[in-house]
Amino acid sequence: MFRLNKLTDYAIVLMTHIAHCPDASLHTARELAGGTELPLTTVGKVLRGLLDHRLVTSHRGMKGGYALARPAREISVAEIIGAFEGPIGFTECNTTPGCCDLEPSCSVRSNSGVIGKALQHALEGIRLSDLTKPMRESGSRNGGTVSITFSSGENNEHNQHHSRPHQPRI
């Protein structure tokens, strides 16, 4: 099973919360903690990681706070995950060559590399703006393809910038 560590999960929650409230461009750590129901200390730790990877900006002062560094439609889920997990891959040997003694004789290494690239590509295709709207799964598991369909409509930022709805295939 693929799992994100908790800080990565919380980073996605915080980024989605900020993206979902574009009217209030600056959010204090305390507001973010209240809005997401995450502990303030955890929010602080996650915000530091997001700042280090230039996914959010901070503004000091009485009316200061945090904002997205770029529009939500320009930030991929892969970027957020990469900031906390490092390179996205199916197996460690595909992201950190030389880490496994079995690497030279491994019969699945090249295939796991293909799977890792597919995961990376799929996550790069999902934008932070997509997470602010409902998604639905479509396709056939028996046919080997599952796609994600994003909400359509005039308010869908992603669809406004692409000629057809985006459907990353996993």
Protein backbone atom coordinates (compact mmCIF):
# COMPACT_ATOMS: atom_id res chain seq x y z
CA MET A 1 0.00 0.00 0.00
CA PHE A 2 1.25 3.47 -0.85
CA ARG A 3 1.14 5.84 2.07
CA LEU A 4 2.11 9.41 2.59
CA ASN A 5 3.63 10.38 5.89
CA LYS A 6 1.40 12.49 8.12
CA LEU A 7 3.24 15.76 7.45
CA THR A 8 2.75 15.27 3.70
CA ASP A 9 -0.93 14.58 4.24
CA TYR A 10 -1.22 17.68 6.43
CA ALA A 11 0.64 19.76 3.81
CA ILE A 12 -1.94 18.76 1.20
CA VAL A 13 -4.75 19.60 3.66
CA LEU A 14 -3.25 23.04 4.44
CA MET A 15 -2.51 23.88 0.82
CA THR A 16 -6.03 22.85 -0.21
CA HIS A 17 -7.50 24.95 2.59
CA ILE A 18 -5.53 28.01 1.46
CA ALA A 19 -6.46 27.39 -2.19
CA HIS A 20 -10.12 26.97 -1.26
CA CYS A 21 -10.23 30.45 0.33
CA PRO A 22 -8.78 32.74 -2.34
CA ASP A 23 -10.68 35.81 -1.04
CA ALA A 24 -8.56 36.01 2.11
CA SER A 25 -5.12 36.01 0.55
CA LEU A 26 -3.21 35.85 3.84
CA HIS A 27 -3.84 33.24 6.52
CA THR A 28 -2.22 33.14 9.95
CA ALA A 29 -0.97 29.83 11.30
CA ARG A 30 -3.64 30.06 14.00
CA GLU A 31 -6.40 30.55 11.38
CA LEU A 32 -5.08 27.60 9.39
CA ALA A 33 -4.97 25.42 12.50
CA GLY A 34 -8.57 26.35 13.34
CA GLY A 35 -9.81 25.91 9.79
CA THR A 36 -8.20 22.49 9.34
CA GLU A 37 -8.44 21.30 12.96
CA LEU A 38 -4.71 20.50 12.98
CA PRO A 39 -2.57 21.29 16.04
CA LEU A 40 -0.92 24.71 15.81
CA THR A 41 2.56 23.22 16.35
CA THR A 42 2.01 20.82 13.43
CA VAL A 43 0.74 23.64 11.22
CA GLY A 44 3.92 25.60 12.04
CA LYS A 45 6.13 22.67 11.13
CA VAL A 46 4.30 22.05 7.85
CA LEU A 47 4.35 25.74 6.92
CA ARG A 48 8.14 25.81 7.43
CA GLY A 49 8.48 22.91 4.99
CA LEU A 50 6.18 24.59 2.48
CA LEU A 51 8.18 27.82 2.82
CA ASP A 52 11.48 25.98 2.34
CA HIS A 53 10.15 24.53 -0.93
CA ARG A 54 8.67 27.85 -2.05
CA LEU A 55 5.10 26.56 -2.16
CA VAL A 56 3.86 29.30 0.19
CA THR A 57 5.10 32.77 1.01
CA SER A 58 5.03 34.47 4.39
CA HIS A 59 4.38 38.08 5.21
CA ARG A 60 5.35 39.52 8.57
CA GLY A 61 3.55 42.09 10.63
CA MET A 62 0.17 42.69 12.22
CA LYS A 63 -1.67 41.82 9.02
CA GLY A 64 0.80 39.16 7.98
CA GLY A 65 0.27 35.53 7.22
CA TYR A 66 0.79 32.85 4.61
CA ALA A 67 -0.34 32.67 0.99
CA LEU A 68 0.23 30.35 -1.95
CA ALA A 69 3.46 31.19 -3.76
CA ARG A 70 1.74 30.65 -7.13
CA PRO A 71 -1.84 30.23 -8.29
CA ALA A 72 -3.33 26.88 -7.24
CA ARG A 73 -3.66 25.80 -10.89
CA GLU A 74 0.16 26.05 -11.19
CA ILE A 75 1.00 23.84 -8.18
CA SER A 76 0.91 20.08 -8.69
CA VAL A 77 0.20 17.48 -6.05
CA ALA A 78 3.56 15.97 -7.04
CA GLU A 79 5.33 19.17 -5.92
CA ILE A 80 3.66 19.08 -2.52
CA ILE A 81 4.44 15.39 -2.03
CA GLY A 82 8.01 15.86 -3.25
CA ALA A 83 8.58 18.65 -0.73
CA PHE A 84 7.97 16.27 2.19
CA GLU A 85 8.70 12.81 0.78
CA GLY A 86 11.51 13.47 -1.68
CA PRO A 87 11.45 12.00 -5.17
CA ILE A 88 8.31 10.05 -6.07
CA GLY A 89 8.98 6.45 -7.00
CA PHE A 90 7.51 3.01 -6.79
CA THR A 91 10.61 1.55 -5.11
CA GLU A 92 13.51 3.18 -3.34
CA CYS A 93 16.09 1.87 -5.82
CA ASN A 94 14.49 3.93 -8.59
CA THR A 95 14.84 7.18 -6.65
CA THR A 96 18.09 6.39 -4.80
CA PRO A 97 20.38 4.25 -6.98
CA GLY A 98 22.78 2.03 -5.05
CA CYS A 99 20.61 1.69 -1.95
CA CYS A 100 19.89 -2.03 -2.43
CA ASP A 101 22.32 -4.94 -2.66
CA LEU A 102 19.95 -6.76 -5.03
CA GLU A 103 19.86 -3.89 -7.51
CA PRO A 104 22.26 -5.39 -10.10
CA SER A 105 20.31 -8.66 -10.32
CA CYS A 106 16.76 -7.44 -9.62
CA SER A 107 14.28 -8.74 -12.16
CA VAL A 108 11.62 -6.10 -11.46
CA ARG A 109 13.73 -2.95 -11.18
CA SER A 110 13.04 -1.68 -14.70
CA ASN A 111 9.32 -2.38 -14.37
CA SER A 112 9.17 -0.60 -11.03
CA GLY A 113 10.84 2.36 -12.74
CA VAL A 114 8.04 2.44 -15.31
CA ILE A 115 5.44 2.31 -12.52
CA GLY A 116 7.23 5.10 -10.65
CA LYS A 117 7.22 7.32 -13.75
CA ALA A 118 3.50 6.65 -14.23
CA LEU A 119 2.84 7.67 -10.60
CA GLN A 120 4.94 10.81 -11.01
CA HIS A 121 3.16 11.73 -14.25
CA ALA A 122 -0.31 11.15 -12.75
CA LEU A 123 0.47 13.25 -9.66
CA GLU A 124 1.97 16.03 -11.79
CA GLY A 125 -1.32 16.13 -13.69
CA ILE A 126 -3.38 16.79 -10.57
CA ARG A 127 -3.32 20.45 -9.59
CA LEU A 128 -3.98 21.99 -6.20
CA SER A 129 -6.96 23.77 -7.77
CA ASP A 130 -8.38 20.33 -8.66
CA LEU A 131 -8.41 19.36 -4.97
CA THR A 132 -10.78 22.19 -4.14
CA LYS A 133 -13.57 20.50 -6.14
CA PRO A 134 -15.07 17.00 -6.07
CA MET A 135 -13.38 14.34 -8.21
CA ARG A 136 -14.82 11.10 -9.41
CA GLU A 137 -13.23 7.88 -10.50
CA SER A 138 -14.14 6.60 -13.92
CA GLY A 139 -12.95 3.78 -16.10
CA SER A 140 -12.66 0.08 -15.64
CA ARG A 141 -10.37 -1.66 -13.21
CA ASN A 142 -10.69 -4.83 -15.27
CA GLY A 143 -9.59 -2.92 -18.37
CA GLY A 144 -6.44 -1.83 -16.57
CA THR A 145 -7.10 1.91 -16.67
CA VAL A 146 -8.58 4.12 -14.01
CA SER A 147 -8.97 7.83 -14.67
CA ILE A 148 -9.92 10.74 -12.50
CA THR A 149 -12.47 13.18 -13.80
CA PHE A 150 -12.47 16.66 -12.34
CA SER A 151 -15.58 18.75 -11.89
CA SER A 152 -16.55 20.72 -14.93
CA GLY A 153 -18.11 24.12 -15.09
CA GLU A 154 -17.24 27.73 -15.56
CA ASN A 155 -15.53 27.97 -12.18
CA ASN A 156 -13.13 25.09 -12.84
CA GLU A 157 -9.77 26.86 -13.22
CA HIS A 158 -8.11 23.76 -14.66
CA ASN A 159 -10.68 23.37 -17.46
CA GLN A 160 -10.48 27.07 -18.30
CA HIS A 161 -6.80 26.65 -19.15
CA HIS A 162 -7.10 23.38 -21.08
CA SER A 163 -9.19 22.60 -24.12
CA ARG A 164 -10.54 19.35 -22.69
CA PRO A 165 -11.07 18.07 -19.14
CA HIS A 166 -7.88 16.74 -17.58
CA GLN A 167 -7.94 13.02 -16.85
CA PRO A 168 -4.65 11.61 -15.54
CA ARG A 169 -4.57 7.88 -16.09
CA ILE A 170 -3.39 5.66 -13.25
